[in-house]
């Protein structure tokens, strides 16, 4: 079997690197435009890309091709491609991750819900709102089944569905989903949490738009 413990340790360290870089990436807002912060984001992206490139060959060598760890690495690669603006490339990797997770974990696993969510977000960026809605609904169904109706991740799905419905012109449907999201995030996360504030802004924007149309 070789140095299994050493190999496993290497895999875990690389996986931690990827997860750490992924968290750092999400701290950079899309509106950031200064040269310094753009450079820092670029450096972070390159570091995550290097980590995932090291991790995938390791996964393929030491795990079966349908092992959940391989799916995690595909997800990390998709994250880099998504953040780099290569939405088609990201979608392809997310779909590879999804196929593995469906086979290895079953359709109600939390990891599967996260991948459906990620696919939905990429499809929305690509303008495929029907596809985005389908995947966000899959994520919602899984999260309701596994995490329950009051979990913050369930609220995230409601918010994402609301955003897609708004993009599709269904403002009343979007408003309803933002209300469902707020009903979870506000008591669980608090009124001052960034997620709650974002959803409240979305809710008020849509509500004002509906009122204007009805005036």
Protein backbone atom coordinates (compact mmCIF):
# COMPACT_ATOMS: atom_id res chain seq x y z
CA UNK A 1 0.00 0.00 0.00
CA UNK A 2 3.04 2.33 0.29
CA UNK A 3 3.24 5.30 2.62
CA UNK A 4 -0.51 5.67 3.06
CA UNK A 5 -0.29 7.84 6.17
CA UNK A 6 2.20 10.17 4.51
CA UNK A 7 0.08 10.36 1.38
CA UNK A 8 -3.05 11.07 3.39
CA UNK A 9 -1.25 13.81 5.32
CA UNK A 10 -0.12 15.42 2.07
CA UNK A 11 -3.65 15.30 0.72
CA UNK A 12 -5.10 16.88 3.84
CA UNK A 13 -2.53 19.68 3.84
CA UNK A 14 -3.21 20.50 0.20
CA UNK A 15 -6.96 20.35 0.77
CA UNK A 16 -6.63 22.74 3.71
CA UNK A 17 -4.62 25.09 1.50
CA UNK A 18 -7.42 25.09 -1.07
CA UNK A 19 -10.10 25.69 1.53
CA UNK A 20 -8.10 28.52 3.09
CA UNK A 21 -7.55 30.21 -0.26
CA UNK A 22 -11.23 29.80 -1.13
CA UNK A 23 -12.22 31.61 2.06
CA UNK A 24 -9.78 34.41 1.30
CA UNK A 25 -11.17 34.80 -2.22
CA UNK A 26 -14.70 35.34 -0.94
CA UNK A 27 -13.51 38.18 1.28
CA UNK A 28 -12.80 40.23 -1.87
CA UNK A 29 -15.94 41.97 -3.10
CA UNK A 30 -16.68 42.16 -6.85
CA UNK A 31 -16.88 45.96 -6.59
CA UNK A 32 -13.22 46.20 -5.57
CA UNK A 33 -11.38 48.08 -8.32
CA UNK A 34 -8.20 49.52 -6.80
CA UNK A 35 -4.92 48.38 -8.34
CA UNK A 36 -3.53 47.12 -5.04
CA UNK A 37 -6.54 44.99 -4.12
CA UNK A 38 -6.84 43.69 -7.70
CA UNK A 39 -3.20 42.60 -7.54
CA UNK A 40 -3.76 40.91 -4.16
CA UNK A 41 -6.79 39.06 -5.51
CA UNK A 42 -4.76 37.94 -8.52
CA UNK A 43 -2.01 36.58 -6.27
CA UNK A 44 -4.60 34.73 -4.17
CA UNK A 45 -6.19 33.22 -7.27
CA UNK A 46 -2.81 32.00 -8.52
CA UNK A 47 -2.06 30.42 -5.13
CA UNK A 48 -5.38 28.57 -5.12
CA UNK A 49 -4.86 27.44 -8.71
CA UNK A 50 -1.41 26.07 -7.86
CA UNK A 51 -2.85 24.18 -4.88
CA UNK A 52 -5.64 22.61 -6.90
CA UNK A 53 -3.28 21.64 -9.71
CA UNK A 54 -1.15 19.77 -7.17
CA UNK A 55 -4.14 18.18 -5.51
CA UNK A 56 -5.98 16.73 -8.53
CA UNK A 57 -3.16 14.41 -9.75
CA UNK A 58 -2.71 13.25 -6.15
CA UNK A 59 -6.42 12.50 -5.85
CA UNK A 60 -6.50 10.62 -9.14
CA UNK A 61 -3.51 8.53 -8.09
CA UNK A 62 -4.55 7.70 -4.54
CA UNK A 63 -8.35 7.63 -4.68
CA UNK A 64 -10.88 5.96 -6.94
CA UNK A 65 -12.16 8.31 -9.65
CA UNK A 66 -15.55 8.55 -7.93
CA UNK A 67 -14.13 9.30 -4.46
CA UNK A 68 -15.65 12.39 -2.74
CA UNK A 69 -12.16 13.90 -2.36
CA UNK A 70 -11.83 14.03 -6.14
CA UNK A 71 -15.17 15.85 -6.29
CA UNK A 72 -13.90 18.36 -3.73
CA UNK A 73 -10.88 19.08 -5.89
CA UNK A 74 -13.04 19.54 -8.98
CA UNK A 75 -15.12 21.99 -6.96
CA UNK A 76 -11.99 23.93 -5.99
CA UNK A 77 -10.84 24.07 -9.61
CA UNK A 78 -14.32 25.26 -10.60
CA UNK A 79 -14.08 28.00 -7.98
CA UNK A 80 -10.87 29.30 -9.54
CA UNK A 81 -12.33 29.19 -13.04
CA UNK A 82 -15.52 30.90 -11.87
CA UNK A 83 -13.64 33.70 -10.13
CA UNK A 84 -11.48 34.09 -13.24
CA UNK A 85 -14.55 34.57 -15.42
CA UNK A 86 -14.31 31.22 -17.21
CA UNK A 87 -17.91 30.23 -16.52
CA UNK A 88 -18.06 27.43 -19.08
CA UNK A 89 -14.92 25.87 -17.64
CA UNK A 90 -16.27 26.25 -14.11
CA UNK A 91 -19.58 24.68 -15.10
CA UNK A 92 -17.81 21.67 -16.61
CA UNK A 93 -15.83 21.06 -13.41
CA UNK A 94 -18.86 21.56 -11.17
CA UNK A 95 -20.74 19.01 -13.28
CA UNK A 96 -17.86 16.53 -12.92
CA UNK A 97 -17.98 17.05 -9.16
CA UNK A 98 -21.75 16.60 -9.17
CA UNK A 99 -21.56 13.30 -11.06
CA UNK A 100 -19.10 11.92 -8.50
CA UNK A 101 -21.15 13.14 -5.55
CA UNK A 102 -24.36 11.65 -6.91
CA UNK A 103 -22.61 8.30 -7.25
CA UNK A 104 -20.69 8.34 -3.97
CA UNK A 105 -22.84 10.34 -1.55
CA UNK A 106 -26.45 10.15 -2.67
CA UNK A 107 -28.69 13.03 -3.67
CA UNK A 108 -29.46 14.35 -0.18
CA UNK A 109 -25.90 14.92 1.03
CA UNK A 110 -25.01 18.53 2.05
CA UNK A 111 -22.01 18.55 -0.32
CA UNK A 112 -24.33 17.80 -3.21
CA UNK A 113 -26.57 20.71 -2.26
CA UNK A 114 -23.55 23.03 -2.29
CA UNK A 115 -22.57 21.87 -5.78
CA UNK A 116 -26.11 22.35 -7.09
CA UNK A 117 -25.99 25.83 -5.58
CA UNK A 118 -22.67 26.59 -7.28
CA UNK A 119 -23.94 25.36 -10.64
CA UNK A 120 -27.01 27.55 -10.23
CA UNK A 121 -24.86 30.60 -9.56
CA UNK A 122 -22.67 29.97 -12.62
CA UNK A 123 -25.67 29.42 -14.88
CA UNK A 124 -27.20 32.67 -13.65
CA UNK A 125 -24.01 34.52 -14.57
CA UNK A 126 -24.22 32.90 -18.00
CA UNK A 127 -27.81 34.11 -18.42
CA UNK A 128 -29.35 30.62 -18.27
CA UNK A 129 -32.03 31.50 -15.74
CA UNK A 130 -34.12 28.37 -16.27
CA UNK A 131 -31.08 26.18 -15.63
CA UNK A 132 -30.08 28.28 -12.66
CA UNK A 133 -33.55 28.01 -11.15
CA UNK A 134 -33.60 24.23 -11.61
CA UNK A 135 -30.28 23.80 -9.81
CA UNK A 136 -31.14 26.19 -6.99
CA UNK A 137 -34.40 24.29 -6.49
CA UNK A 138 -32.39 21.05 -6.29
CA UNK A 139 -30.14 22.66 -3.67
CA UNK A 140 -33.16 23.88 -1.72
CA UNK A 141 -34.82 20.47 -1.73
CA UNK A 142 -31.65 18.81 -0.47
CA UNK A 143 -31.10 21.42 2.24
CA UNK A 144 -34.68 21.21 3.45
CA UNK A 145 -34.34 17.43 3.68
CA UNK A 146 -30.94 17.34 5.37
CA UNK A 147 -30.62 20.62 7.28
CA UNK A 148 -34.21 21.62 7.90
CA UNK A 149 -36.23 24.71 7.08
CA UNK A 150 -34.50 27.04 9.56
CA UNK A 151 -30.87 26.47 8.58
CA UNK A 152 -28.89 29.44 7.18
CA UNK A 153 -27.92 27.41 4.09
CA UNK A 154 -31.61 26.82 3.38
CA UNK A 155 -32.10 30.57 3.55
CA UNK A 156 -29.25 31.02 1.09
CA UNK A 157 -31.14 28.89 -1.41
CA UNK A 158 -34.28 30.99 -0.92
CA UNK A 159 -32.24 34.14 -1.56
CA UNK A 160 -30.58 32.71 -4.66
CA UNK A 161 -33.92 31.57 -6.05
CA UNK A 162 -35.27 35.06 -5.39
CA UNK A 163 -32.40 36.59 -7.36
CA UNK A 164 -33.05 34.29 -10.32
CA UNK A 165 -36.78 34.98 -10.27
CA UNK A 166 -36.05 38.71 -10.21
CA UNK A 167 -33.79 38.31 -13.25
CA UNK A 168 -36.61 36.42 -14.98
CA UNK A 169 -39.02 39.28 -14.31
CA UNK A 170 -41.05 37.45 -11.65
CA UNK A 171 -40.82 40.19 -9.03
CA UNK A 172 -43.68 38.89 -6.89
CA UNK A 173 -42.08 35.46 -6.74
CA UNK A 174 -38.72 37.02 -5.90
CA UNK A 175 -40.26 39.06 -3.10
CA UNK A 176 -41.76 35.92 -1.57
CA UNK A 177 -38.39 34.12 -1.60
CA UNK A 178 -36.61 37.09 -0.04
CA UNK A 179 -39.24 37.11 2.71
CA UNK A 180 -38.65 33.40 3.35
CA UNK A 181 -34.90 34.05 3.46
CA UNK A 182 -35.26 36.94 5.92
CA UNK A 183 -37.53 34.86 8.16
CA UNK A 184 -34.54 32.55 8.70
CA UNK A 185 -31.49 34.80 8.53
CA UNK A 186 -32.77 37.61 10.73
CA UNK A 187 -33.49 35.51 13.86
CA UNK A 188 -30.58 33.12 13.31
CA UNK A 189 -27.82 35.48 12.14
CA UNK A 190 -29.12 38.78 13.46
CA UNK A 191 -30.27 41.96 11.74
CA UNK A 192 -26.73 43.33 11.44
CA UNK A 193 -25.22 40.30 9.73
CA UNK A 194 -24.01 41.03 6.16
CA UNK A 195 -26.19 38.25 4.73
CA UNK A 196 -29.29 39.63 6.44
CA UNK A 197 -28.51 43.14 5.25
CA UNK A 198 -27.99 41.95 1.69
CA UNK A 199 -31.31 40.14 1.67
CA UNK A 200 -33.08 43.13 3.20
CA UNK A 201 -31.67 45.35 0.46
CA UNK A 202 -32.88 42.88 -2.17
CA UNK A 203 -36.30 42.76 -0.54
CA UNK A 204 -36.66 46.55 -0.38
CA UNK A 205 -35.46 46.96 -3.97
CA UNK A 206 -38.02 44.52 -5.32
CA UNK A 207 -40.79 45.84 -3.06
CA UNK A 208 -40.15 49.41 -4.22
CA UNK A 209 -40.15 48.29 -7.84
CA UNK A 210 -43.49 46.53 -7.46
CA UNK A 211 -45.00 49.57 -5.72
CA UNK A 212 -43.75 51.85 -8.51
CA UNK A 213 -45.28 49.64 -11.17
CA UNK A 214 -48.59 49.60 -9.34
CA UNK A 215 -48.71 53.36 -8.84
